[in-house]
Each structure stands twice: as C-alpha cells, then as structure tokens.
Amino acid sequence: MAISYNRLWKQLIDHGLSKTDMMHRAKISTNVLARLSKGEPVSMDSMEKICTMLGCNIGDVMEFIPDTENGGIDA
C-alpha cells in the first residue's frame, strides 16, 4: 500500500504556503518534512499537527493507494 501526500501539497498551494512555512507553523521536524516529500509514512502525531495548522481533516492531506497486485488485500 502506498501513501500519497499530493492532497497536502495542493492544500499548501491553496493556502499560499511553502513546505518550510508548513514545517515551522505545524512545528514538525525537518525529518518529517523529508519523509513527507519522499511519500514515506509519518506519525499520526505529525499528521495531526499539520491538519490542525491547516484546519482540515486527514483525508484532505493524504490518501492510501491500494496495492494493485493483490487487489488491495494484504496477505
């Protein structure tokens, strides 16, 4: 299963914020920002900080993309 943060980047554009602005305002680390930029998982605590800062829900900033090889069902 893959994680996409494309919705987060769209939110930042809509709010006129850079990734660095988000990092400072949400009080997340550079490591978290790097993981987001690479499409890697981050903690729910970090996602909560980002959602609180943007005033949105988690589905507004990320989505899970099912693995198409097995129909989205993990064995």
Protein backbone atom coordinates (compact mmCIF):
# COMPACT_ATOMS: atom_id res chain seq x y z
CA MET A 1 0.00 0.00 0.00
CA ALA A 2 1.35 3.41 -0.93
CA ILE A 3 0.73 6.76 0.68
CA SER A 4 0.20 9.88 -1.40
CA TYR A 5 0.59 13.37 0.04
CA ASN A 6 -0.47 15.09 -3.20
CA ARG A 7 -3.50 16.46 -1.38
CA LEU A 8 -1.19 18.05 1.21
CA TRP A 9 0.86 19.81 -1.48
CA LYS A 10 -2.40 21.07 -3.03
CA GLN A 11 -3.53 22.38 0.37
CA LEU A 12 -0.24 24.25 0.76
CA ILE A 13 -0.66 25.85 -2.67
CA ASP A 14 -4.25 26.81 -1.84
CA HIS A 15 -3.07 28.41 1.44
CA GLY A 16 -0.10 30.13 -0.21
CA LEU A 17 2.39 28.25 1.98
CA SER A 18 5.73 26.65 1.23
CA LYS A 19 6.84 23.34 2.71
CA THR A 20 9.17 25.27 5.02
CA ASP A 21 6.28 27.52 6.15
CA MET A 22 4.28 24.40 6.98
CA MET A 23 7.20 22.89 8.88
CA HIS A 24 7.57 25.97 11.09
CA ARG A 25 3.86 26.63 11.62
CA ALA A 26 2.97 22.99 12.35
CA LYS A 27 6.13 22.54 14.45
CA ILE A 28 7.26 19.40 12.64
CA SER A 29 10.89 18.40 12.19
CA THR A 30 12.99 18.51 9.05
CA ASN A 31 12.99 14.69 9.16
CA VAL A 32 9.19 14.61 9.00
CA LEU A 33 9.23 17.07 6.10
CA ALA A 34 11.78 14.90 4.29
CA ARG A 35 9.65 11.78 4.81
CA LEU A 36 6.56 13.59 3.51
CA SER A 37 8.49 14.79 0.47
CA LYS A 38 9.53 11.20 -0.29
CA GLY A 39 5.99 9.86 0.18
CA GLU A 40 7.02 7.86 3.24
CA PRO A 41 4.83 7.21 6.30
CA VAL A 42 4.91 9.71 9.17
CA SER A 43 3.38 9.53 12.64
CA MET A 44 -0.24 10.35 13.28
CA ASP A 45 1.02 12.99 15.73
CA SER A 46 2.76 14.77 12.85
CA MET A 47 -0.32 14.48 10.65
CA GLU A 48 -2.46 15.88 13.48
CA LYS A 49 -0.17 18.91 13.77
CA ILE A 50 -0.37 19.52 10.03
CA CYS A 51 -4.16 19.13 9.93
CA THR A 52 -4.59 21.43 12.93
CA MET A 53 -2.40 24.06 11.31
CA LEU A 54 -4.32 23.86 8.01
CA GLY A 55 -7.74 23.49 9.67
CA CYS A 56 -8.57 20.33 7.76
CA ASN A 57 -9.10 16.58 8.14
CA ILE A 58 -6.54 13.87 7.44
CA GLY A 59 -8.31 12.84 4.23
CA ASP A 60 -7.70 16.37 2.96
CA VAL A 61 -3.91 15.93 3.11
CA MET A 62 -3.21 12.27 2.38
CA GLU A 63 -4.65 9.17 0.79
CA PHE A 64 -3.84 5.49 0.77
CA ILE A 65 -3.38 3.92 -2.64
CA PRO A 66 -4.07 0.17 -2.57
CA ASP A 67 -1.54 -2.26 -3.96
CA THR A 68 -2.99 -3.33 -7.31
CA GLU A 69 -1.01 -6.59 -7.45
CA ASN A 70 -3.24 -8.30 -4.90
CA GLY A 71 -6.38 -6.22 -5.26
CA GLY A 72 -5.57 -4.12 -2.22
CA ILE A 73 -5.71 -7.06 0.18
CA ASP A 74 -2.57 -7.70 2.19
CA ALA A 75 -1.83 -11.36 2.72
